[in-house]
Protein backbone atom coordinates (compact mmCIF):
# COMPACT_ATOMS: atom_id res chain seq x y z
CA MET A 1 146.15 -103.23 -181.03
CA PHE A 2 144.44 -100.09 -179.99
CA TRP A 3 141.00 -99.00 -178.78
CA LYS A 4 139.02 -95.80 -179.19
CA ALA A 5 138.50 -93.45 -176.47
CA LYS A 6 136.79 -90.06 -177.38
CA ASP A 7 137.56 -90.87 -180.86
CA ARG A 8 141.41 -91.09 -180.30
CA ASP A 9 143.78 -93.94 -180.26
CA ILE A 10 144.86 -95.03 -176.81
CA PRO A 11 146.89 -98.00 -175.85
CA PRO A 12 144.68 -100.66 -174.16
CA VAL A 13 144.55 -101.11 -170.33
CA PRO A 14 145.42 -104.63 -169.34
CA SER A 15 142.41 -106.70 -168.34
CA GLU A 16 142.39 -109.13 -165.28
CA GLU A 17 141.84 -112.18 -167.46
CA ALA A 18 145.27 -111.52 -169.23
CA PRO A 19 147.56 -109.84 -166.74
CA PRO A 20 150.86 -108.82 -167.88
CA THR A 21 153.86 -111.21 -167.03
CA ASP A 22 157.60 -111.31 -167.46
CA GLU A 23 157.23 -114.64 -169.14
CA PRO A 24 156.58 -114.65 -172.81
CA SER A 25 153.44 -116.53 -173.75
CA PRO A 26 153.59 -119.74 -175.68
CA GLY A 27 154.25 -119.01 -179.46
CA ALA A 28 155.13 -115.31 -178.83
CA THR A 29 157.62 -113.92 -181.30
CA LYS A 30 158.16 -110.62 -179.61
CA GLU A 31 157.86 -108.94 -176.21
CA ARG A 32 154.55 -107.30 -175.39
CA THR A 33 154.33 -103.88 -173.87
CA VAL A 34 151.34 -102.57 -171.85
CA THR A 35 150.43 -99.01 -171.12
CA ARG A 36 147.90 -97.96 -168.60
CA LEU A 37 146.12 -94.48 -168.68
CA PRO A 38 146.42 -92.56 -165.33
CA ALA A 39 143.11 -92.41 -163.33
CA PHE A 40 141.48 -88.90 -163.59
CA GLY A 41 143.36 -86.52 -161.25
CA GLU A 42 146.19 -88.89 -160.79
CA GLY A 43 149.74 -87.68 -160.91
CA PRO A 44 150.94 -83.95 -161.03
CA ALA A 45 149.21 -83.09 -164.15
CA GLY A 46 145.99 -84.63 -162.85
CA GLU A 47 146.34 -82.72 -159.61
CA LEU A 48 146.69 -79.39 -161.51
CA SER A 49 143.62 -80.21 -163.55
CA LEU A 50 141.67 -80.79 -160.44
CA LEU A 51 142.93 -77.51 -158.89
CA SER A 52 142.05 -75.54 -162.11
CA MET A 53 138.43 -76.82 -162.07
CA LEU A 54 138.06 -76.21 -158.40
CA GLU A 55 139.28 -72.50 -158.97
CA LEU A 56 136.91 -72.22 -161.99
CA SER A 57 133.98 -73.59 -159.88
CA ASN A 58 134.62 -71.24 -157.07
CA GLU A 59 135.01 -68.24 -159.43
CA LEU A 60 131.71 -69.16 -161.31
CA SER A 61 129.85 -69.42 -158.12
CA ALA A 62 130.43 -65.77 -157.35
CA ARG A 63 129.30 -64.58 -160.82
CA MET A 64 125.81 -63.67 -161.99
CA ASP A 65 126.76 -61.84 -165.19
CA LEU A 66 127.30 -63.37 -168.58
CA TYR A 67 130.18 -61.38 -169.56
CA GLU A 68 131.82 -61.77 -166.11
CA ILE A 69 131.35 -65.74 -166.47
CA ALA A 70 132.91 -65.56 -170.04
CA GLU A 71 135.99 -63.59 -168.81
CA VAL A 72 136.42 -66.02 -165.81
CA THR A 73 136.08 -69.08 -168.13
CA LEU A 74 138.44 -67.94 -170.83
CA PHE A 75 141.13 -66.86 -168.26
CA ASN A 76 140.97 -70.16 -166.52
CA LEU A 77 140.94 -72.45 -169.53
CA MET A 78 143.75 -70.30 -171.43
CA GLY A 79 145.76 -70.53 -168.31
CA HIS A 80 145.31 -74.24 -167.84
CA PHE A 81 145.95 -75.29 -171.33
CA ALA A 82 148.38 -72.48 -172.21
CA CYS A 83 146.34 -71.56 -175.27
CA SER A 84 147.07 -68.33 -177.31
CA ARG A 85 143.36 -67.54 -178.15
CA ALA A 86 139.97 -68.63 -176.99
CA ALA A 87 136.33 -67.49 -177.38
CA LEU A 88 132.93 -68.10 -175.72
CA TRP A 89 129.39 -67.82 -177.33
CA VAL A 90 126.02 -68.24 -176.02
CA LEU A 91 122.85 -69.47 -177.89
CA PRO A 92 119.66 -67.52 -177.57
CA GLU A 93 116.54 -69.42 -176.59
CA GLU A 94 114.81 -68.18 -179.69
CA GLY A 95 117.02 -70.25 -182.02
CA GLU A 96 118.88 -67.32 -183.37
CA ASP A 97 122.55 -67.39 -184.23
CA ALA A 98 125.27 -67.67 -181.41
CA VAL A 99 126.00 -64.47 -179.58
CA LEU A 100 129.74 -63.83 -178.97
CA LEU A 101 130.38 -62.99 -175.41
CA ARG A 102 134.14 -62.73 -175.18
CA ALA A 103 137.10 -63.49 -177.50
CA GLN A 104 140.74 -63.38 -176.83
CA GLY A 105 143.13 -63.46 -179.64
CA PHE A 106 140.46 -63.48 -182.32
CA SER A 107 139.11 -60.49 -184.10
CA PRO A 108 135.43 -60.01 -183.28
CA LYS A 109 134.43 -60.26 -187.03
CA VAL A 110 136.07 -63.83 -187.29
CA ALA A 111 134.72 -64.86 -183.97
CA ARG A 112 131.26 -63.93 -184.79
CA ALA A 113 131.50 -65.94 -188.12
CA VAL A 114 132.72 -68.98 -186.29
CA GLY A 115 129.92 -68.97 -183.84
CA THR A 116 127.37 -68.51 -186.57
CA VAL A 117 128.76 -71.55 -188.62
CA TRP A 118 129.72 -73.94 -185.86
CA SER A 119 127.01 -73.60 -183.19
CA ARG A 120 124.48 -75.52 -184.95
CA TRP A 121 126.65 -78.22 -186.29
CA LEU A 122 128.17 -78.96 -182.77
CA PHE A 123 124.72 -79.66 -181.35
CA ASP A 124 123.38 -81.57 -184.32
CA ARG A 125 126.01 -84.32 -184.59
CA PRO A 126 124.80 -87.88 -184.96
CA GLY A 127 124.02 -89.36 -181.64
CA GLY A 128 123.68 -85.97 -179.81
CA SER A 129 127.30 -86.08 -178.51
CA LEU A 130 128.32 -83.24 -176.33
CA ASP A 131 131.97 -84.17 -176.39
CA PRO A 132 134.64 -81.51 -177.53
CA VAL A 133 136.09 -82.04 -180.87
CA LEU A 134 139.59 -81.55 -182.41
CA VAL A 135 139.20 -79.56 -185.70
CA HIS A 136 141.92 -81.40 -187.44
CA GLU A 137 140.05 -84.75 -187.18
CA LEU A 138 136.97 -83.31 -188.96
CA ARG A 139 138.90 -82.96 -192.47
CA ASP A 140 137.45 -86.15 -193.58
CA THR A 141 133.90 -85.10 -192.73
CA ASN A 142 131.36 -82.72 -194.22
CA ALA A 143 131.63 -80.31 -191.29
CA PRO A 144 130.90 -76.74 -192.48
CA GLY A 145 133.36 -73.97 -192.09
CA LEU A 146 136.32 -76.23 -191.55
CA SER A 147 138.73 -73.87 -193.35
CA LEU A 148 137.37 -70.86 -191.51
CA ALA A 149 138.15 -72.51 -188.16
CA GLU A 150 141.63 -73.58 -189.26
CA ASP A 151 142.41 -70.21 -190.77
CA ALA A 152 141.32 -68.72 -187.40
CA GLY A 153 143.86 -70.89 -185.52
CA ILE A 154 141.07 -72.99 -183.69
CA VAL A 155 142.19 -76.31 -182.37
CA VAL A 156 139.33 -77.41 -180.22
CA LEU A 157 135.59 -76.64 -180.52
CA ALA A 158 133.31 -77.68 -177.50
CA PRO A 159 129.58 -77.28 -176.89
CA VAL A 160 128.39 -75.90 -173.58
CA ALA A 161 125.23 -77.37 -172.23
CA ALA A 162 123.45 -78.07 -168.94
CA ARG A 163 121.06 -80.93 -168.63
CA ARG A 164 121.65 -81.54 -172.28
CA ARG A 165 120.25 -78.22 -173.10
CA ARG A 166 122.24 -76.38 -175.38
CA LEU A 167 123.63 -73.13 -173.99
CA GLY A 168 126.66 -72.10 -176.09
CA LEU A 169 130.05 -73.15 -177.46
CA LEU A 170 133.86 -72.61 -176.68
CA ALA A 171 136.80 -72.49 -178.97
CA LEU A 172 140.45 -72.93 -177.96
CA GLY A 173 143.40 -72.05 -180.19
CA ARG A 174 146.87 -73.60 -180.47
CA ARG A 175 148.86 -74.23 -177.36
CA VAL A 176 151.89 -71.93 -176.84
CA SER A 177 154.19 -75.02 -176.30
CA GLY A 178 152.89 -76.49 -179.68
CA ALA A 179 151.64 -79.49 -177.75
CA THR A 180 148.55 -81.41 -178.85
CA PHE A 181 145.34 -81.88 -176.93
CA SER A 182 145.31 -85.32 -175.39
CA ALA A 183 142.07 -87.40 -174.71
CA ARG A 184 142.60 -86.44 -171.00
CA ASP A 185 142.92 -82.74 -171.83
CA LEU A 186 139.54 -83.09 -173.64
CA GLU A 187 138.00 -84.86 -170.51
CA VAL A 188 139.19 -81.98 -168.38
CA LEU A 189 137.88 -79.43 -170.74
CA ALA A 190 134.33 -81.07 -171.01
CA ALA A 191 134.23 -81.36 -167.08
CA SER A 192 135.18 -77.73 -166.82
CA LEU A 193 132.37 -76.71 -169.35
CA ASN A 194 129.78 -78.61 -167.28
CA PHE A 195 130.45 -76.01 -164.53
CA VAL A 196 130.29 -73.20 -167.12
CA GLY A 197 126.90 -74.56 -168.40
CA VAL A 198 125.38 -74.76 -165.02
CA SER A 199 126.46 -71.12 -164.21
CA LEU A 200 125.12 -69.81 -167.52
CA GLU A 201 121.69 -71.42 -166.80
CA ASN A 202 121.54 -70.16 -163.37
CA THR A 203 122.46 -66.65 -164.50
CA ALA A 204 119.73 -66.81 -167.07
CA LEU A 205 117.32 -67.78 -164.57
CA TYR A 206 118.39 -65.11 -162.14
CA ASN A 207 118.43 -62.47 -164.67
CA ARG A 208 115.01 -63.38 -165.84
CA ALA A 209 113.69 -63.21 -162.31
CA ILE A 210 115.36 -59.82 -161.72
CA GLU A 211 113.77 -58.51 -164.92
CA THR A 212 110.34 -59.84 -164.05
CA ASN A 213 110.55 -58.13 -160.65
CA ARG A 214 111.61 -54.79 -162.18
CA GLY A 215 108.68 -54.99 -164.59
CA LEU A 216 106.32 -55.75 -161.66
CA ARG A 217 107.78 -52.96 -159.66
CA GLN A 218 107.28 -50.45 -162.60
CA ALA A 219 103.82 -51.75 -163.21
CA ASN A 220 103.01 -51.12 -159.51
CA GLU A 221 104.52 -47.63 -159.61
CA ARG A 222 102.45 -46.83 -162.73
CA LEU A 223 99.31 -48.09 -161.06
CA LEU A 224 100.00 -45.87 -157.84
CA GLU A 225 100.71 -42.87 -160.16
CA LEU A 226 97.26 -43.57 -162.03
CA ASP A 227 95.46 -43.75 -158.66
CA ARG A 228 97.06 -40.51 -157.62
CA LEU A 229 96.07 -38.82 -160.85
CA LYS A 230 92.65 -40.16 -160.84
CA SER A 231 92.08 -38.84 -157.26
CA GLU A 232 93.47 -35.48 -158.32
CA PHE A 233 91.21 -35.39 -161.33
CA LEU A 234 88.14 -36.23 -159.29
CA ARG A 235 88.82 -33.50 -156.66
CA THR A 236 89.48 -31.07 -159.60
CA LEU A 237 86.28 -32.09 -161.35
CA ASN A 238 84.18 -31.94 -158.27
CA HIS A 239 85.68 -28.34 -157.53
CA GLU A 240 84.99 -26.96 -161.11
CA LEU A 241 81.46 -28.43 -161.47
CA ARG A 242 80.13 -28.09 -157.96
CA THR A 243 79.94 -24.22 -158.17
CA PRO A 244 78.01 -23.84 -161.52
CA LEU A 245 75.61 -26.74 -160.25
CA THR A 246 74.74 -24.78 -157.11
CA VAL A 247 74.15 -21.63 -159.10
CA ILE A 248 71.92 -23.73 -161.50
CA GLY A 249 70.04 -25.14 -158.59
CA ALA A 250 69.43 -21.77 -157.08
CA TYR A 251 68.02 -20.36 -160.22
CA LEU A 252 65.88 -23.25 -160.84
CA ASP A 253 64.35 -23.00 -157.25
CA SER A 254 63.79 -19.38 -157.98
CA LEU A 255 61.85 -20.33 -161.20
CA LEU A 256 59.91 -22.83 -159.42
CA MET A 257 58.71 -20.52 -156.75
CA GLY A 258 57.61 -18.17 -159.44
CA GLU A 259 55.34 -20.82 -160.91
CA LYS A 260 52.04 -20.42 -159.02
CA GLU A 261 50.12 -22.95 -160.95
CA GLU A 262 50.71 -26.54 -161.89
CA GLY A 263 51.34 -27.07 -165.56
CA PRO A 264 53.76 -28.49 -168.14
CA ARG A 265 56.26 -25.64 -167.54
CA LYS A 266 56.38 -26.24 -163.72
CA HIS A 267 56.68 -30.09 -164.28
CA GLN A 268 59.68 -29.53 -166.65
CA LEU A 269 61.34 -27.13 -164.27
CA ARG A 270 60.79 -29.79 -161.37
CA THR A 271 62.34 -32.46 -163.49
CA VAL A 272 65.41 -30.40 -164.40
CA ARG A 273 65.72 -29.56 -160.66
CA ASP A 274 65.62 -33.21 -159.68
CA GLU A 275 68.27 -34.15 -162.29
CA SER A 276 70.46 -31.29 -161.08
CA SER A 277 70.21 -32.44 -157.47
CA LYS A 278 71.00 -36.00 -158.81
CA LEU A 279 74.16 -34.79 -160.54
CA GLU A 280 75.08 -32.73 -157.47
CA GLY A 281 74.85 -35.88 -155.32
CA MET A 282 77.06 -37.79 -157.91
CA LEU A 283 79.68 -35.07 -157.61
CA LEU A 284 79.56 -35.52 -153.83
CA ASN A 285 80.12 -39.14 -154.16
CA LEU A 286 82.93 -38.48 -156.57
CA LEU A 287 84.68 -36.14 -153.93
CA ASP A 288 84.12 -38.89 -151.14
CA PHE A 289 85.44 -41.51 -153.53
CA GLY A 290 88.65 -39.46 -154.34
CA LYS A 291 89.28 -38.89 -150.62
CA LEU A 292 88.69 -42.61 -149.97
CA MET A 293 91.09 -43.84 -152.64
CA GLY A 294 93.62 -41.33 -151.46
CA ASP A 295 93.19 -42.39 -147.88
CA ASP A 296 92.13 -38.84 -146.99
CA LEU A 297 88.55 -39.94 -145.77
CA GLN A 298 88.32 -40.16 -142.01
CA LEU A 299 85.56 -42.10 -140.37
CA SER A 300 84.15 -41.85 -136.86
CA LEU A 301 83.27 -45.29 -135.66
CA GLU A 302 80.94 -45.87 -132.86
CA ARG A 303 79.37 -48.76 -131.00
CA GLY A 304 75.70 -49.52 -131.91
CA ASP A 305 72.94 -51.63 -133.38
CA VAL A 306 73.08 -51.62 -137.12
CA THR A 307 69.41 -52.38 -137.36
CA ASN A 308 68.44 -48.87 -136.23
CA PRO A 309 69.87 -46.81 -139.03
CA LEU A 310 68.94 -49.48 -141.69
CA ARG A 311 65.24 -49.49 -140.49
CA VAL A 312 65.01 -45.76 -141.04
CA TRP A 313 66.71 -46.08 -144.44
CA TYR A 314 64.51 -48.86 -145.40
CA GLU A 315 61.29 -46.81 -144.74
CA GLU A 316 62.70 -43.96 -146.92
CA ARG A 317 63.99 -46.15 -149.77
CA ARG A 318 61.03 -48.59 -150.08
CA PRO A 319 58.52 -46.22 -151.78
CA GLY A 320 61.01 -45.36 -154.65
CA ILE A 321 62.04 -49.01 -155.24
CA THR A 322 58.37 -50.14 -155.09
CA ALA A 323 57.48 -47.40 -157.76
CA GLY A 324 59.75 -49.27 -160.11
CA PHE A 325 57.83 -52.52 -159.51
CA ARG A 326 60.45 -54.07 -157.42
CA GLU A 327 60.00 -55.53 -153.96
CA LEU A 328 62.23 -54.38 -150.87
CA GLN A 329 62.29 -56.34 -147.72
CA PHE A 330 64.14 -55.86 -144.54
CA SER A 331 64.57 -58.46 -141.91
CA HIS A 332 66.98 -59.38 -138.97
CA THR A 333 67.21 -61.87 -136.15
CA SER A 334 65.84 -61.28 -132.81
CA SER A 335 69.15 -60.63 -131.26
CA VAL A 336 71.73 -58.67 -133.20
CA PRO A 337 75.01 -57.90 -131.18
CA ALA A 338 76.47 -54.48 -131.25
CA ALA A 339 79.15 -53.63 -133.87
CA PHE A 340 81.56 -50.78 -134.64
CA PHE A 341 80.46 -48.69 -137.57
CA GLU A 342 79.74 -45.16 -138.83
CA ARG A 343 75.90 -44.67 -139.39
CA ARG A 344 76.19 -42.63 -142.51
CA ARG A 345 78.76 -44.66 -144.25
CA LEU A 346 76.80 -47.98 -143.38
CA VAL A 347 73.66 -46.62 -145.02
CA GLN A 348 75.86 -45.55 -147.95
CA ILE A 349 77.08 -49.02 -148.47
CA VAL A 350 73.71 -50.74 -148.22
CA ASP A 351 72.12 -47.96 -150.44
CA ALA A 352 74.99 -48.61 -153.04
CA LEU A 353 74.42 -52.46 -152.97
CA VAL A 354 70.51 -52.06 -153.20
CA GLY A 355 70.95 -49.54 -155.93
CA ASN A 356 73.17 -51.89 -157.89
CA ALA A 357 70.50 -54.58 -157.54
CA VAL A 358 67.79 -52.23 -158.66
CA LYS A 359 69.73 -51.30 -161.84
CA PHE A 360 70.34 -54.98 -162.93
CA CYS A 361 67.21 -56.76 -161.69
CA PRO A 362 64.27 -56.53 -164.04
CA ALA A 363 60.73 -55.33 -162.86
CA GLY A 364 58.95 -57.94 -160.59
CA SER A 365 62.29 -58.90 -158.72
CA LYS A 366 62.67 -59.05 -155.01
CA ILE A 367 65.46 -57.57 -153.10
CA THR A 368 66.10 -58.49 -149.37
CA VAL A 369 68.24 -56.82 -146.78
CA ARG A 370 69.04 -59.18 -143.92
CA VAL A 371 70.96 -58.68 -140.76
CA GLU A 372 72.22 -61.59 -138.54
CA PRO A 373 75.23 -62.57 -136.45
CA GLU A 374 77.94 -64.76 -137.91
CA THR A 375 81.05 -66.74 -137.00
CA HIS A 376 83.30 -66.54 -139.91
CA GLU A 377 86.97 -67.61 -140.27
CA GLY A 378 87.22 -67.86 -136.34
CA SER A 379 85.99 -64.31 -135.73
CA GLU A 380 82.53 -62.97 -134.60
CA TRP A 381 80.60 -60.54 -137.02
CA VAL A 382 77.38 -58.73 -137.82
CA ARG A 383 76.58 -59.69 -141.37
CA VAL A 384 74.37 -57.50 -143.66
CA ASP A 385 73.28 -59.33 -146.66
CA VAL A 386 71.71 -57.66 -149.71
CA ILE A 387 69.99 -60.51 -151.86
CA ASP A 388 68.35 -60.27 -155.17
CA ASP A 389 66.78 -62.86 -157.54
CA GLY A 390 68.06 -61.07 -160.53
CA PRO A 391 70.19 -62.37 -163.55
CA GLY A 392 73.30 -62.82 -161.56
CA ILE A 393 76.91 -62.01 -162.54
CA ALA A 394 78.81 -63.67 -165.37
CA PRO A 395 81.93 -65.58 -164.25
CA ASP A 396 84.36 -63.51 -166.26
CA ARG A 397 82.92 -60.41 -164.79
CA LEU A 398 83.04 -61.59 -161.23
CA PRO A 399 86.82 -60.91 -160.56
CA HIS A 400 86.32 -57.30 -161.60
CA ILE A 401 83.05 -56.53 -159.97
CA PHE A 402 84.79 -54.17 -157.31
CA ASP A 403 86.91 -52.39 -159.81
CA SER A 404 86.51 -48.69 -160.00
CA PHE A 405 84.44 -47.27 -162.95
CA ARG A 406 83.23 -50.56 -164.22
CA GLN A 407 79.73 -52.05 -164.51
CA GLY A 408 78.74 -55.55 -163.79
CA ASP A 409 77.75 -56.23 -167.47
CA GLY A 410 81.12 -54.82 -168.64
CA SER A 411 79.42 -53.44 -171.70
CA GLU A 412 80.91 -50.51 -173.70
CA THR A 413 77.32 -48.98 -174.29
CA ARG A 414 76.47 -48.78 -170.64
CA ARG A 415 72.83 -49.64 -170.81
CA HIS A 416 72.52 -48.88 -166.91
CA GLY A 417 73.08 -45.50 -165.26
CA GLY A 418 75.70 -44.47 -162.94
CA MET A 419 79.51 -44.14 -163.03
CA GLY A 420 80.40 -47.70 -161.95
CA MET A 421 82.01 -46.78 -158.83
CA GLY A 422 79.39 -47.70 -156.34
CA LEU A 423 80.71 -51.15 -155.55
CA ALA A 424 84.30 -50.03 -155.47
CA PHE A 425 83.40 -47.19 -153.08
CA ALA A 426 81.25 -49.73 -150.87
CA ARG A 427 84.09 -52.26 -150.59
CA ARG A 428 86.60 -49.31 -149.64
CA LEU A 429 84.15 -47.97 -146.96
CA ALA A 430 83.72 -51.46 -145.59
CA GLU A 431 87.53 -52.01 -145.27
CA LYS A 432 87.78 -48.42 -143.50
CA MET A 433 85.16 -49.76 -140.91
CA ASN A 434 87.67 -52.82 -140.47
CA GLY A 435 84.97 -54.99 -142.31
CA THR A 436 84.69 -56.97 -145.50
CA LEU A 437 82.42 -56.93 -148.47
CA ASP A 438 82.15 -59.96 -150.77
CA VAL A 439 79.82 -61.43 -153.33
CA ARG A 440 78.29 -64.75 -154.13
CA THR A 441 76.38 -65.25 -157.49
CA GLU A 442 74.93 -67.90 -159.58
CA LEU A 443 74.21 -66.77 -163.14
CA GLY A 444 70.39 -66.73 -163.73
CA SER A 445 69.72 -67.31 -160.02
CA GLY A 446 70.56 -64.06 -158.35
CA THR A 447 73.43 -62.35 -156.33
CA THR A 448 74.12 -61.94 -152.63
CA PHE A 449 76.53 -59.23 -151.31
CA SER A 450 77.68 -59.73 -147.66
CA LEU A 451 78.96 -56.84 -145.53
CA ARG A 452 80.66 -58.06 -142.40
CA LEU A 453 81.24 -55.54 -139.46
CA PRO A 454 83.34 -56.58 -136.40
CA LEU A 455 81.47 -56.94 -133.07
CA ALA A 456 81.97 -54.11 -130.56
């Protein structure tokens, strides 16, 4: 009587209930012979198998290239089993046909055909078995491409997997000695391919991480180059436009001086002169912005009371905002500690924040500038808040609110004036003064920008 192990007939191992004995059992007509399989790794052949697998494991641990893994695997297995030919394929994650990595003793054309035919069948067997198979045992089955495998001299086909995830397949040809593959040989092969599967999976993860890092590095380099080109463009634009604008302004001033009486002509000239001055101011801001983005802008920080320059600015700015039917308020606590800042740049930041509020808040809105000391994240600051009761900022726009050349409404039509660089400029200036600028908002309930400056 025989039992099945790995689908091959192997003599039974004696059980404890019926130990072998020299005495014939009652009624026995002939002597009974008992054969025991050696334990895995037992005996000279078993020791060689373990040494071969250990060598394969060590070699694979030092490889992070698919083709090197294939070469090491084929070299090891062909040497251990003394095969005349072998091939290794991998399965793409997209479900495409198997890709041949390396083949020894097979023509590439035949090897690719074998991989295409057999890769799916090996993994789609009933029961989901991942055991190696002997090709000659499949003659009574409906396995596809049987004649192709036999004509190619393939004796064993084995799937390669890791955590039951299909990764590839291996084929071994006839042994040089003509010996057949035993059940123990197939166990050794399956154990060896477990190492190969883990190595293939680790290599795929490693290569994916390397490629992702490469893509991120290239994207970062492109962004740096775009920043450089943008700064260069801003400097060129400023240089090319500033001179003609200065000439235009001078001629407009001359024409205005020649108009002695008030009338439509003088009003029109004054309007053109005002718009020309506004455009010149925008160009100056562009130049500053280009310097700031390129880290060329140098600030002279000084110790002082931030309320003094802000009070002067408030008195100058309030009439223009009030003329647009918006209320501007300025307040501060009774004791504001000294901070480090540059007066001109501080006023620029607050003016940009208030200007942004004016653009997006409807007539009848209130804008408040408030100064007070604050302890934030374990540090002492002077905080300048610009608070409005306008429409707020949409959540999907908030992450981009400090991006260059973008407006808070994100519209293509740009309903509001300006170049969309005020907030980006303000944040960079705040960082130049070792401060921070952030925003809190609630859609429909207003927005608060908070500038924090370190204490002196």
